[in-house]
Amino acid sequence: MAKIITIVILLAIAAGAIFLMTWDIPAPEKQVSKTLNDDRFPG
């Protein structure tokens, strides 16, 4: 039984990796701009 569970987990990880490698992730359409205070940086 443990062997079957291990095989299923490995197949799920492999399927997820293949999905992420082949998925055409769309570029962000909204521009993000954030102003940081000078107080946060040493110097």
Protein backbone atom coordinates (compact mmCIF):
# COMPACT_ATOMS: atom_id res chain seq x y z
CA MET A 1 0.00 0.00 0.00
CA ALA A 2 2.82 2.42 0.85
CA LYS A 3 4.40 1.71 -2.53
CA ILE A 4 1.23 2.76 -4.36
CA ILE A 5 0.94 5.98 -2.33
CA THR A 6 4.59 6.81 -3.08
CA ILE A 7 4.05 6.26 -6.80
CA VAL A 8 0.91 8.44 -6.79
CA ILE A 9 2.74 11.25 -4.96
CA LEU A 10 5.69 11.08 -7.38
CA LEU A 11 3.31 11.16 -10.36
CA ALA A 12 1.49 14.18 -8.90
CA ILE A 13 4.78 16.03 -8.40
CA ALA A 14 5.91 15.19 -11.93
CA ALA A 15 2.56 16.29 -13.39
CA GLY A 16 2.73 19.57 -11.46
CA ALA A 17 6.29 20.21 -12.65
CA ILE A 18 5.35 19.52 -16.28
CA PHE A 19 2.31 21.80 -15.95
CA LEU A 20 4.42 24.66 -14.57
CA MET A 21 7.09 24.21 -17.26
CA THR A 22 4.58 24.31 -20.10
CA TRP A 23 2.11 26.91 -18.74
CA ASP A 24 2.29 30.22 -20.58
CA ILE A 25 1.96 32.57 -17.62
CA PRO A 26 0.48 35.91 -18.72
CA ALA A 27 2.52 39.02 -18.05
CA PRO A 28 1.12 41.40 -15.45
CA GLU A 29 -1.08 44.05 -17.01
CA LYS A 30 -1.13 46.47 -14.08
CA GLN A 31 1.96 48.53 -13.29
CA VAL A 32 3.02 48.45 -9.63
CA SER A 33 4.76 51.46 -8.13
CA LYS A 34 5.70 51.81 -4.48
CA THR A 35 7.60 54.63 -2.79
CA LEU A 36 9.96 53.61 -0.01
CA ASN A 37 10.91 56.03 2.76
CA ASP A 38 14.60 56.87 3.18
CA ASP A 39 14.23 56.06 6.90
CA ARG A 40 14.15 52.35 6.09
CA PHE A 41 17.73 52.37 4.73
CA PRO A 42 20.86 52.76 6.85
CA GLY A 43 23.34 55.46 6.03
